[in-house]
Protein backbone atom coordinates (compact mmCIF):
# COMPACT_ATOMS: atom_id res chain seq x y z
CA MET A 1 2.80 -25.56 14.85
CA HIS A 2 1.35 -27.19 11.79
CA ASN A 3 3.23 -29.82 9.87
CA PRO A 4 3.77 -28.53 6.32
CA GLY A 5 3.38 -32.08 5.09
CA HIS A 6 -0.32 -31.86 5.97
CA ARG A 7 -0.92 -28.50 4.29
CA PHE A 8 -3.82 -27.93 1.96
CA GLN A 9 -3.01 -28.49 -1.68
CA ALA A 10 -3.29 -24.82 -2.56
CA GLN A 11 -2.29 -25.46 -6.14
CA ASP A 12 -5.38 -27.66 -6.55
CA ARG A 13 -7.59 -25.00 -4.96
CA PHE A 14 -6.13 -22.27 -7.19
CA PRO A 15 -4.44 -23.79 -10.27
CA ALA A 16 -2.30 -20.78 -11.10
CA GLN A 17 -0.39 -22.32 -13.99
CA ASP A 18 -3.59 -23.27 -15.78
CA ARG A 19 -5.49 -20.14 -14.75
CA PHE A 20 -2.97 -17.84 -16.41
CA GLU A 21 -1.70 -20.11 -19.15
CA ALA A 22 -2.20 -17.29 -21.66
CA GLY A 23 0.35 -15.15 -19.83
CA ALA A 24 0.86 -12.66 -17.02
CA GLN A 25 0.23 -9.46 -18.99
CA TYR A 26 -3.30 -8.06 -19.16
CA ILE A 27 -3.51 -5.60 -22.04
CA ALA A 28 -6.65 -4.25 -23.71
CA GLY A 29 -8.88 -6.77 -21.95
CA ARG A 30 -6.97 -9.99 -22.52
CA LEU A 31 -4.09 -12.01 -21.11
CA THR A 32 -0.93 -12.19 -23.19
CA LYS A 33 2.61 -13.46 -22.76
CA GLY A 34 5.52 -11.16 -22.06
CA THR A 35 8.13 -10.50 -24.71
CA SER A 36 11.28 -9.88 -22.65
CA GLY A 37 12.64 -13.35 -23.37
CA ARG A 38 13.00 -14.04 -19.64
CA THR A 39 10.80 -16.06 -17.31
CA HIS A 40 10.00 -15.70 -13.63
CA ALA A 41 8.42 -18.04 -11.10
CA VAL A 42 5.80 -17.31 -8.45
CA VAL A 43 6.95 -19.29 -5.41
CA ASP A 44 4.77 -20.44 -2.52
CA PRO A 45 6.83 -19.05 0.39
CA ALA A 46 5.41 -21.63 2.79
CA THR A 47 7.01 -24.52 0.91
CA GLY A 48 9.42 -23.09 -1.62
CA ASP A 49 7.44 -24.74 -4.44
CA GLU A 50 7.06 -22.95 -7.76
CA VAL A 51 3.35 -22.54 -8.52
CA TYR A 52 3.40 -20.43 -11.70
CA THR A 53 6.07 -19.62 -14.25
CA TYR A 54 5.52 -16.84 -16.75
CA GLU A 55 7.26 -14.64 -19.30
CA LEU A 56 8.25 -11.23 -17.95
CA ALA A 57 7.10 -8.06 -19.66
CA GLY A 58 9.57 -6.18 -21.79
CA THR A 59 9.50 -2.61 -23.01
CA ALA A 60 7.35 -3.61 -25.98
CA ASP A 61 4.67 -4.88 -23.62
CA VAL A 62 4.75 -1.62 -21.67
CA ASP A 63 4.37 0.28 -24.94
CA ALA A 64 1.41 -1.89 -25.91
CA ALA A 65 -0.28 -1.42 -22.52
CA VAL A 66 0.24 2.35 -22.56
CA ALA A 67 -1.11 2.49 -26.12
CA ALA A 68 -4.20 0.54 -25.06
CA ALA A 69 -4.72 2.87 -22.10
CA ARG A 70 -4.22 5.95 -24.29
CA GLU A 71 -6.74 4.66 -26.83
CA ALA A 72 -9.31 3.93 -24.12
CA PHE A 73 -8.83 7.25 -22.35
CA PRO A 74 -11.04 9.60 -24.42
CA GLY A 75 -14.05 7.32 -24.21
CA TRP A 76 -13.66 6.56 -20.51
CA ALA A 77 -12.97 10.19 -19.63
CA ALA A 78 -16.14 11.21 -21.48
CA THR A 79 -18.39 8.92 -19.43
CA THR A 80 -20.50 10.60 -16.81
CA PRO A 81 -19.64 10.17 -13.14
CA GLY A 82 -22.84 8.15 -12.83
CA GLU A 83 -21.78 5.77 -15.58
CA ARG A 84 -18.36 5.25 -14.00
CA SER A 85 -20.05 4.75 -10.65
CA ASP A 86 -22.40 2.10 -12.03
CA ALA A 87 -19.49 0.21 -13.60
CA MET A 88 -17.57 0.27 -10.34
CA HIS A 89 -20.57 -0.93 -8.35
CA ARG A 90 -20.70 -3.90 -10.73
CA PHE A 91 -16.97 -4.32 -10.17
CA ALA A 92 -17.49 -4.53 -6.40
CA ALA A 93 -20.22 -7.15 -6.94
CA VAL A 94 -17.91 -9.29 -9.11
CA LEU A 95 -15.19 -9.11 -6.45
CA ALA A 96 -17.67 -10.15 -3.76
CA ASP A 97 -18.81 -13.14 -5.85
CA ARG A 98 -15.18 -14.23 -6.37
CA ALA A 99 -13.94 -13.40 -2.87
CA GLU A 100 -12.73 -16.90 -2.01
CA GLU A 101 -10.77 -17.18 -5.25
CA PHE A 102 -9.00 -13.92 -4.45
CA ALA A 103 -8.32 -14.98 -0.85
CA GLN A 104 -6.73 -18.27 -1.91
CA ALA A 105 -4.63 -16.66 -4.63
CA GLU A 106 -3.33 -14.03 -2.21
CA SER A 107 -2.44 -16.63 0.42
CA LEU A 108 -0.74 -18.82 -2.16
CA GLN A 109 1.57 -16.18 -3.60
CA CYS A 110 2.27 -14.26 -0.36
CA GLY A 111 2.11 -16.90 2.37
CA LYS A 112 -0.54 -14.90 4.22
CA PRO A 113 -2.71 -16.88 6.63
CA ILE A 114 -6.02 -17.57 4.94
CA LYS A 115 -7.90 -15.94 7.81
CA LEU A 116 -6.04 -12.69 7.06
CA THR A 117 -6.86 -12.72 3.35
CA ARG A 118 -10.47 -13.74 3.97
CA GLU A 119 -11.09 -11.23 6.75
CA PHE A 120 -8.78 -8.32 5.90
CA ASP A 121 -7.26 -8.16 2.41
CA VAL A 122 -10.26 -9.23 0.35
CA PRO A 123 -13.09 -7.55 2.31
CA GLY A 124 -11.04 -4.38 2.49
CA THR A 125 -10.59 -4.39 -1.27
CA ILE A 126 -14.28 -4.96 -1.91
CA ASP A 127 -15.14 -2.12 0.46
CA ASN A 128 -12.60 0.15 -1.23
CA THR A 129 -14.18 -0.61 -4.60
CA ALA A 130 -17.66 0.15 -3.28
CA PHE A 131 -16.38 3.40 -1.75
CA PHE A 132 -14.89 4.64 -5.01
CA ALA A 133 -18.04 3.63 -6.86
CA GLY A 134 -19.82 6.21 -4.72
CA ALA A 135 -16.98 8.72 -4.70
CA ALA A 136 -16.93 8.78 -8.52
CA ARG A 137 -20.12 10.85 -8.35
CA HIS A 138 -18.64 13.42 -5.97
CA LEU A 139 -15.65 15.04 -7.64
CA GLN A 140 -15.99 18.30 -5.79
CA GLY A 141 -14.43 21.71 -6.25
CA GLN A 142 -14.95 25.17 -4.87
CA SER A 143 -18.48 26.45 -5.47
CA ALA A 144 -19.06 28.89 -8.32
CA GLY A 145 -18.98 32.51 -7.31
CA GLU A 146 -18.11 36.08 -8.20
CA TYR A 147 -14.79 36.28 -6.41
CA SER A 148 -13.52 39.26 -8.42
CA GLY A 149 -16.87 41.03 -8.63
CA ASP A 150 -16.89 41.16 -12.43
CA HIS A 151 -16.42 37.47 -13.13
CA THR A 152 -17.93 34.12 -12.23
CA SER A 153 -15.33 31.48 -11.36
CA TYR A 154 -15.66 27.77 -10.89
CA VAL A 155 -13.36 24.77 -10.66
CA ARG A 156 -13.38 21.73 -12.91
CA ARG A 157 -11.75 18.46 -11.97
CA GLU A 158 -10.55 16.69 -15.08
CA PRO A 159 -8.83 13.33 -15.50
CA ILE A 160 -5.10 13.51 -16.13
CA GLY A 161 -4.72 10.78 -18.76
CA VAL A 162 -2.77 7.54 -18.59
CA VAL A 163 -1.54 6.68 -15.10
CA GLY A 164 1.49 4.43 -14.69
CA SER A 165 1.51 2.70 -11.30
CA ILE A 166 3.91 0.36 -9.54
CA ALA A 167 2.74 -1.74 -6.60
CA PRO A 168 4.67 -3.79 -4.01
CA TRP A 169 4.56 -7.43 -3.04
CA ASN A 170 3.36 -7.16 0.57
CA TYR A 171 -0.31 -6.36 -0.18
CA PRO A 172 -0.63 -7.14 -3.89
CA LEU A 173 -4.43 -7.10 -4.04
CA GLN A 174 -5.01 -4.09 -1.82
CA MET A 175 -2.23 -2.08 -3.44
CA ALA A 176 -3.60 -2.84 -6.91
CA ALA A 177 -6.96 -1.56 -5.71
CA TRP A 178 -5.48 1.55 -4.08
CA LYS A 179 -3.79 2.42 -7.38
CA ILE A 180 -6.49 1.46 -9.85
CA LEU A 181 -9.71 2.57 -8.15
CA PRO A 182 -9.19 6.32 -7.62
CA ALA A 183 -7.53 6.58 -11.01
CA ILE A 184 -10.44 5.11 -12.96
CA ALA A 185 -13.10 6.67 -10.72
CA ALA A 186 -11.71 10.07 -11.76
CA GLY A 187 -11.85 9.11 -15.46
CA ASN A 188 -8.23 8.11 -16.06
CA THR A 189 -6.93 4.89 -17.56
CA ILE A 190 -4.10 2.95 -15.97
CA VAL A 191 -1.17 0.61 -16.52
CA LEU A 192 -0.17 -1.14 -13.30
CA LYS A 193 3.08 -3.01 -12.77
CA PRO A 194 2.73 -5.43 -9.83
CA ALA A 195 5.76 -6.96 -8.15
CA GLU A 196 7.13 -9.91 -10.12
CA LEU A 197 6.84 -12.09 -6.99
CA THR A 198 3.09 -11.60 -6.60
CA PRO A 199 1.19 -10.85 -9.84
CA LEU A 200 -1.73 -13.27 -9.44
CA THR A 201 -4.34 -11.13 -7.69
CA SER A 202 -3.50 -8.04 -9.76
CA LEU A 203 -4.29 -10.07 -12.87
CA LEU A 204 -7.48 -11.37 -11.31
CA PHE A 205 -8.43 -7.82 -10.35
CA ALA A 206 -8.03 -6.54 -13.91
CA GLU A 207 -9.95 -9.53 -15.23
CA ALA A 208 -12.78 -8.78 -12.77
CA ALA A 209 -12.89 -5.18 -14.03
CA THR A 210 -13.48 -6.48 -17.56
CA GLN A 211 -16.10 -8.91 -16.26
CA ALA A 212 -17.88 -5.94 -14.67
CA GLY A 213 -18.10 -4.15 -18.02
CA ILE A 214 -15.26 -1.66 -17.60
CA PRO A 215 -14.02 -1.09 -21.17
CA ASP A 216 -10.94 -2.80 -22.54
CA GLY A 217 -7.81 -0.72 -22.06
CA VAL A 218 -9.02 1.14 -18.99
CA VAL A 219 -7.17 -1.28 -16.67
CA ASN A 220 -3.95 -2.91 -17.90
CA ILE A 221 -1.32 -5.00 -16.09
CA VAL A 222 2.32 -5.47 -17.09
CA THR A 223 4.31 -7.91 -15.00
CA GLY A 224 7.99 -7.31 -15.44
CA ALA A 225 11.21 -6.38 -13.71
CA GLY A 226 11.62 -2.93 -12.22
CA LYS A 227 14.76 -2.08 -14.19
CA ASP A 228 13.05 -2.94 -17.47
CA ALA A 229 9.28 -2.65 -17.37
CA GLY A 230 9.09 -0.39 -14.32
CA GLU A 231 11.55 2.27 -15.41
CA HIS A 232 10.20 2.24 -18.96
CA LEU A 233 6.67 2.77 -17.62
CA VAL A 234 7.67 5.68 -15.37
CA GLY A 235 9.61 7.39 -18.17
CA HIS A 236 7.08 6.72 -20.92
CA PRO A 237 6.17 9.94 -22.75
CA ASP A 238 2.48 9.03 -22.87
CA VAL A 239 2.22 8.45 -19.11
CA ALA A 240 0.84 11.58 -17.44
CA MET A 241 1.22 10.48 -13.83
CA THR A 242 3.20 7.93 -11.82
CA SER A 243 2.05 6.41 -8.55
CA PHE A 244 4.57 4.24 -6.71
CA THR A 245 4.41 2.28 -3.47
CA GLY A 246 7.59 0.65 -2.23
CA SER A 247 10.88 1.35 -0.53
CA THR A 248 12.24 4.86 -0.10
CA ALA A 249 15.40 3.92 -2.00
CA VAL A 250 13.48 2.80 -5.09
CA GLY A 251 11.10 5.73 -4.66
CA LYS A 252 14.04 8.10 -5.11
CA ARG A 253 14.90 6.42 -8.41
CA VAL A 254 11.28 6.65 -9.55
CA ALA A 255 11.29 10.34 -8.67
CA GLU A 256 14.46 10.92 -10.73
CA ILE A 257 12.87 9.39 -13.82
CA ALA A 258 9.53 11.12 -13.35
CA THR A 259 11.16 14.49 -12.78
CA ALA A 260 13.03 14.22 -16.06
CA THR A 261 9.71 14.07 -17.94
CA VAL A 262 7.85 16.47 -15.59
CA THR A 263 5.38 13.70 -14.76
CA ARG A 264 3.02 14.11 -11.83
CA LEU A 265 4.22 11.90 -8.99
CA HIS A 266 2.65 10.18 -5.99
CA LEU A 267 4.94 8.25 -3.61
CA GLU A 268 4.00 6.01 -0.68
CA LEU A 269 7.30 4.79 0.72
CA GLY A 270 8.83 3.15 3.79
CA GLY A 271 7.86 3.38 7.42
CA LYS A 272 9.16 2.70 10.91
CA ALA A 273 6.06 3.27 12.99
CA PRO A 274 6.47 4.27 16.65
CA PHE A 275 4.14 2.80 19.27
CA VAL A 276 4.19 5.20 22.24
CA VAL A 277 2.88 3.85 25.55
CA PHE A 278 2.42 6.42 28.30
CA ASP A 279 2.41 5.36 31.94
CA ASP A 280 -1.38 5.74 32.32
CA ALA A 281 -2.13 3.43 29.38
CA ASP A 282 -4.24 0.29 29.61
CA LEU A 283 -1.33 -2.14 29.67
CA GLU A 284 -3.38 -5.14 28.56
CA ALA A 285 -4.70 -3.24 25.56
CA ALA A 286 -1.23 -1.95 24.70
CA VAL A 287 0.35 -5.42 24.84
CA HIS A 288 -2.33 -6.94 22.61
CA GLY A 289 -2.13 -3.97 20.25
CA ALA A 290 1.64 -4.24 20.03
CA VAL A 291 1.63 -7.94 19.13
CA ALA A 292 -1.12 -7.51 16.54
CA GLY A 293 0.39 -4.31 15.16
CA ALA A 294 3.89 -5.75 14.91
CA LEU A 295 2.98 -9.14 13.43
CA ILE A 296 0.29 -8.32 10.89
CA ASN A 297 1.28 -9.78 7.52
CA THR A 298 4.36 -11.25 9.27
CA GLY A 299 5.50 -7.68 9.94
CA GLN A 300 5.69 -6.93 6.21
CA ASP A 301 3.62 -3.79 6.53
CA CYS A 302 4.94 -0.24 6.21
CA THR A 303 2.60 0.86 9.01
CA ALA A 304 3.43 -2.06 11.34
CA ALA A 305 4.37 -1.26 14.92
CA THR A 306 8.16 -1.55 14.90
CA ARG A 307 9.44 0.81 17.62
CA ALA A 308 7.61 0.57 20.97
CA TYR A 309 8.50 3.40 23.34
CA VAL A 310 7.19 2.59 26.81
CA GLN A 311 7.28 4.99 29.75
CA ARG A 312 9.58 3.58 32.38
CA PRO A 313 7.00 2.60 35.06
CA LEU A 314 5.40 0.16 32.58
CA TYR A 315 8.51 -0.84 30.65
CA GLU A 316 9.56 -4.15 32.26
CA GLU A 317 6.01 -5.46 32.55
CA PHE A 318 5.28 -4.49 28.95
CA VAL A 319 8.37 -6.37 27.78
CA SER A 320 7.57 -9.53 29.74
CA ARG A 321 3.88 -9.62 28.83
CA THR A 322 4.51 -8.86 25.16
CA ALA A 323 7.09 -11.65 24.98
CA GLU A 324 4.65 -14.02 26.66
CA LEU A 325 1.86 -13.16 24.21
CA MET A 326 4.19 -13.48 21.22
CA GLY A 327 4.97 -16.99 22.40
CA THR A 328 1.34 -18.02 21.85
CA VAL A 329 1.33 -17.05 18.15
CA ARG A 330 0.85 -20.12 15.95
CA LEU A 331 3.11 -20.48 12.90
CA GLY A 332 2.24 -22.91 10.14
CA ASP A 333 0.41 -23.69 6.92
CA PRO A 334 -1.21 -20.49 5.62
CA PHE A 335 -4.23 -22.49 4.45
CA ALA A 336 -4.91 -23.94 7.91
CA PRO A 337 -7.71 -21.92 9.56
CA ASP A 338 -5.95 -21.60 12.92
CA THR A 339 -2.57 -20.41 11.61
CA ASP A 340 -1.74 -16.96 12.98
CA LEU A 341 1.56 -16.24 11.26
CA GLY A 342 2.73 -17.32 7.86
CA PRO A 343 6.15 -17.13 6.22
CA LEU A 344 7.87 -14.04 4.95
CA ILE A 345 7.66 -13.43 1.22
CA SER A 346 10.92 -15.26 0.46
CA VAL A 347 13.89 -16.98 2.02
CA ALA A 348 15.98 -13.96 1.03
CA GLN A 349 13.70 -11.64 2.99
CA ARG A 350 13.70 -14.01 5.97
CA ASP A 351 17.48 -14.09 5.98
CA ARG A 352 17.62 -10.31 5.73
CA VAL A 353 15.41 -9.96 8.81
CA ALA A 354 17.42 -12.61 10.66
CA GLY A 355 20.59 -10.68 9.87
CA PHE A 356 19.26 -7.55 11.59
CA VAL A 357 18.35 -9.55 14.69
CA ASP A 358 21.64 -11.45 14.78
CA ARG A 359 23.63 -8.24 14.58
CA ALA A 360 21.51 -6.72 17.35
CA ARG A 361 22.57 -9.46 19.78
CA SER A 362 25.85 -7.60 20.29
CA TYR A 363 24.16 -4.46 21.60
CA ALA A 364 20.61 -5.41 22.67
CA ARG A 365 18.60 -8.17 24.33
CA VAL A 366 16.62 -10.62 22.20
CA VAL A 367 13.82 -11.44 24.64
CA THR A 368 11.97 -13.98 22.54
CA GLY A 369 12.12 -15.40 19.03
CA GLY A 370 15.06 -14.55 16.82
CA GLU A 371 15.23 -17.92 15.10
CA ILE A 372 14.04 -19.98 12.17
CA PRO A 373 11.64 -22.77 13.30
CA GLN A 374 13.30 -26.02 12.31
CA ASP A 375 10.04 -27.86 11.66
CA LEU A 376 9.16 -25.20 9.06
CA LYS A 377 12.64 -24.64 7.64
CA HIS A 378 11.57 -25.40 4.05
CA GLY A 379 9.45 -22.25 4.08
CA ALA A 380 10.48 -18.66 4.74
CA TYR A 381 9.34 -18.70 8.38
CA TYR A 382 10.78 -16.67 11.25
CA ARG A 383 9.60 -16.65 14.84
CA PRO A 384 7.94 -13.53 16.28
CA THR A 385 10.79 -11.58 17.84
CA LEU A 386 11.01 -9.04 20.63
CA VAL A 387 14.20 -7.01 21.10
CA ALA A 388 14.75 -4.79 24.13
CA ASP A 389 17.34 -2.29 25.38
CA ALA A 390 18.69 -1.23 22.00
CA ALA A 391 20.09 2.27 21.62
CA GLN A 392 17.98 4.82 19.77
CA ASP A 393 20.60 5.27 17.07
CA SER A 394 21.13 1.53 16.51
CA GLU A 395 20.47 -0.17 13.20
CA ILE A 396 17.53 -2.20 14.43
CA VAL A 397 15.74 0.92 15.71
CA GLN A 398 16.39 3.13 12.70
CA SER A 399 16.16 0.73 9.72
CA GLU A 400 13.03 -0.71 8.15
CA LEU A 401 13.24 -4.50 8.68
CA PHE A 402 9.90 -5.61 7.17
CA GLY A 403 9.58 -8.68 9.36
CA PRO A 404 7.97 -9.96 12.60
CA VAL A 405 10.27 -7.96 14.89
CA LEU A 406 9.33 -5.41 17.56
CA VAL A 407 11.96 -3.31 19.34
CA VAL A 408 11.09 -1.88 22.78
CA LEU A 409 12.81 1.12 24.37
CA PRO A 410 12.04 3.01 27.61
CA PHE A 411 11.43 6.73 28.02
CA ASP A 412 10.93 9.00 31.02
CA SER A 413 9.13 12.26 30.25
CA ASP A 414 6.34 12.82 27.73
CA ASP A 415 8.65 15.22 25.91
CA GLU A 416 11.21 12.46 25.52
CA GLY A 417 8.65 9.92 24.28
CA ILE A 418 7.42 12.22 21.52
CA ARG A 419 10.96 13.25 20.61
CA LEU A 420 12.01 9.61 20.23
CA ALA A 421 8.91 8.82 18.18
CA ASN A 422 9.86 11.57 15.74
CA ASP A 423 13.54 10.56 15.65
CA SER A 424 13.28 8.71 12.33
CA PRO A 425 13.54 9.63 8.68
CA TYR A 426 10.09 8.07 8.20
CA GLY A 427 6.66 9.43 9.02
CA LEU A 428 3.97 7.10 7.73
CA ALA A 429 2.09 5.94 10.82
CA ALA A 430 2.26 5.94 14.62
CA SER A 431 0.14 5.24 17.67
CA ALA A 432 -0.22 6.71 21.17
CA TRP A 433 -1.56 4.80 24.15
CA SER A 434 -3.04 6.76 27.06
CA ARG A 435 -6.24 7.17 29.07
CA ASP A 436 -5.62 10.94 29.24
CA VAL A 437 -7.31 12.81 26.39
CA TYR A 438 -4.94 15.78 26.69
CA ARG A 439 -1.88 13.54 26.52
CA ALA A 440 -3.29 11.68 23.55
CA ASN A 441 -4.24 14.89 21.75
CA ARG A 442 -0.75 16.26 22.24
CA ALA A 443 0.70 13.11 20.71
CA THR A 444 -1.58 13.34 17.67
CA ARG A 445 -0.52 16.97 17.15
CA GLU A 446 3.22 16.55 17.64
CA ILE A 447 4.03 13.13 16.17
CA LYS A 448 4.97 13.68 12.55
CA ALA A 449 3.16 10.93 10.70
CA GLY A 450 0.39 10.66 8.14
CA CYS A 451 -1.75 8.59 10.48
CA VAL A 452 -1.73 8.57 14.28
CA TRP A 453 -3.93 6.05 16.06
CA VAL A 454 -4.94 6.46 19.69
CA ASN A 455 -5.24 3.23 21.72
CA ASP A 456 -5.10 1.10 18.59
CA HIS A 457 -2.68 0.41 15.76
CA ILE A 458 -3.29 -0.71 12.13
CA PRO A 459 -7.02 -0.29 11.27
CA ILE A 460 -7.67 1.55 8.02
CA ILE A 461 -10.93 2.63 6.42
CA SER A 462 -11.78 3.57 2.85
CA GLU A 463 -13.13 6.99 3.84
CA MET A 464 -9.85 8.18 5.37
CA PRO A 465 -6.54 8.96 3.59
CA HIS A 466 -3.32 6.98 3.78
CA GLY A 467 0.03 8.62 3.13
CA GLY A 468 3.15 9.85 4.84
CA TYR A 469 5.43 12.65 5.96
CA LYS A 470 9.18 13.00 5.40
CA ALA A 471 10.92 10.04 3.73
CA SER A 472 7.63 8.12 3.73
CA GLY A 473 6.59 10.04 0.64
CA PHE A 474 3.77 12.37 -0.33
CA GLY A 475 0.23 12.16 -1.64
CA LYS A 476 -2.70 10.09 -0.43
CA ASP A 477 -4.21 6.71 -1.20
CA MET A 478 -7.85 5.90 -0.41
CA SER A 479 -10.55 8.44 0.51
CA SER A 480 -11.74 11.39 -1.53
CA TYR A 481 -8.40 13.05 -0.82
CA SER A 482 -6.83 10.67 -3.34
CA PHE A 483 -8.61 12.58 -6.12
CA GLU A 484 -6.11 15.37 -5.47
CA GLU A 485 -3.55 13.00 -6.99
CA TYR A 486 -5.63 11.72 -9.90
CA THR A 487 -7.34 14.86 -11.20
CA GLN A 488 -6.21 18.03 -12.88
CA ILE A 489 -7.68 21.20 -11.38
CA LYS A 490 -8.86 23.77 -13.89
CA HIS A 491 -10.07 27.28 -13.04
CA VAL A 492 -12.79 28.53 -15.40
CA MET A 493 -13.54 32.28 -15.32
CA PHE A 494 -16.42 34.07 -17.11
CA ASP A 495 -16.61 37.80 -17.63
CA ASN A 496 -20.00 39.08 -16.49
CA THR A 497 -19.76 42.69 -17.68
CA ALA A 498 -19.84 42.50 -21.49
CA VAL A 499 -17.66 45.64 -21.40
CA ALA A 500 -15.01 45.84 -24.10
CA ARG A 501 -12.85 48.55 -22.48
CA LYS A 502 -12.11 47.27 -18.98
CA ASP A 503 -10.44 49.39 -16.33
CA TRP A 504 -7.58 46.98 -15.87
CA HIS A 505 -6.63 47.29 -19.55
CA ARG A 506 -5.47 50.82 -18.82
CA THR A 507 -2.63 49.39 -16.73
CA ILE A 508 -1.26 47.94 -19.95
CA PHE A 509 -2.10 50.60 -22.53
CA GLY A 510 -3.80 53.98 -22.75
CA ASP A 511 -5.16 56.25 -20.04
CA ARG A 512 -8.20 56.06 -17.85
């Protein structure tokens, strides 16, 4: 482990307080201070040090951001797909030029290991931006045709208007991109509320959009509390669509508010991803996949492997080898290049995860981990933890922990393994591990999740959609499928006959 006393001086590498001295709201192309009268601190979770204090947004700031977005909408919506595409290609180039700045800011506010932000969060965001730059030119609909015989029909995709989005703290940069990019590629304008804990890279992202020549007001950021700024944004009469990523509980509240105003809604909510290992699986691959899939972002990932179901012939060896591999994971300073696992987002979140594990000791076996490392106790660190032999209906199996904890349970028949995988209110992601193509195909058909990996767990790509089943929400991020969320479909129908007295009129009045 790395001694936190020798950590890089992240504040010197990314001087947050000076960088955003003008405030943590980005409205109509400039930074401003919030008007709620309350302040909030961004805390480095590796040390507990405050690195940036800012004024939270109030309802007046939300109103100003929505007004800016509404004013910018007609002009942005009127641009050609090619013009939007060119602007977004420039946006991707700006992000690439500033990649290290983004990586350091993300590690500072989240505690992510710098190798994760440099090699996953930031490159993924740049790629996503480049993808939507291309996708902006391909807003497709059904081809024109004479479907009725007497008419020509075609489909238009039109932007919806002002989008109000709320993003979580676990992937602040990537979630800002997932919200902003499809919205503006389709011709909408947007107001994004990032989590109060982690606003830095969302602000940088909006600033980079302006630097790339995207007009003022197209991308706006309000950083405020959910009860104030968030609920006001969702219920705002000038917001035409809400996109929310976060917990299922908060998602239900968002849905209540959006429903009251008949606002279009996109929800990406919680997850409890099953990791199903059949008895013909490559055990070495499954063990490595389980550790990586469970510990990415310190387990604070809604698609993380959390429930490993292992067919009984492999169960004991899987448990022992997974515990052994977890023991090699290096905790420490997020800015050290060889750190594998950083802290959780906060001490409160660490203690919440620890509470789940401590309660599980009465009914399950904590094989490894399950403790706070004493040499890193000033940060929100928690050791990688493996829990075995819990009951399927136990709290630790059914609840979303959002921490570096993997629970392993045995199963006997393939039927049982798939049944257990589906025995959850969530359905965001899953994986199946087998050398048998028929077994794997059955799992992909029958596991109810928005993404099912085979012999891997976690990779995402810009070209493919991300979204869930059941209590994990509805709608898709990334890919061209996301345009289903961010465009209004209009059917246009032309009469081809030039006949005044049409046969169908006689069904309403007169005789044939």
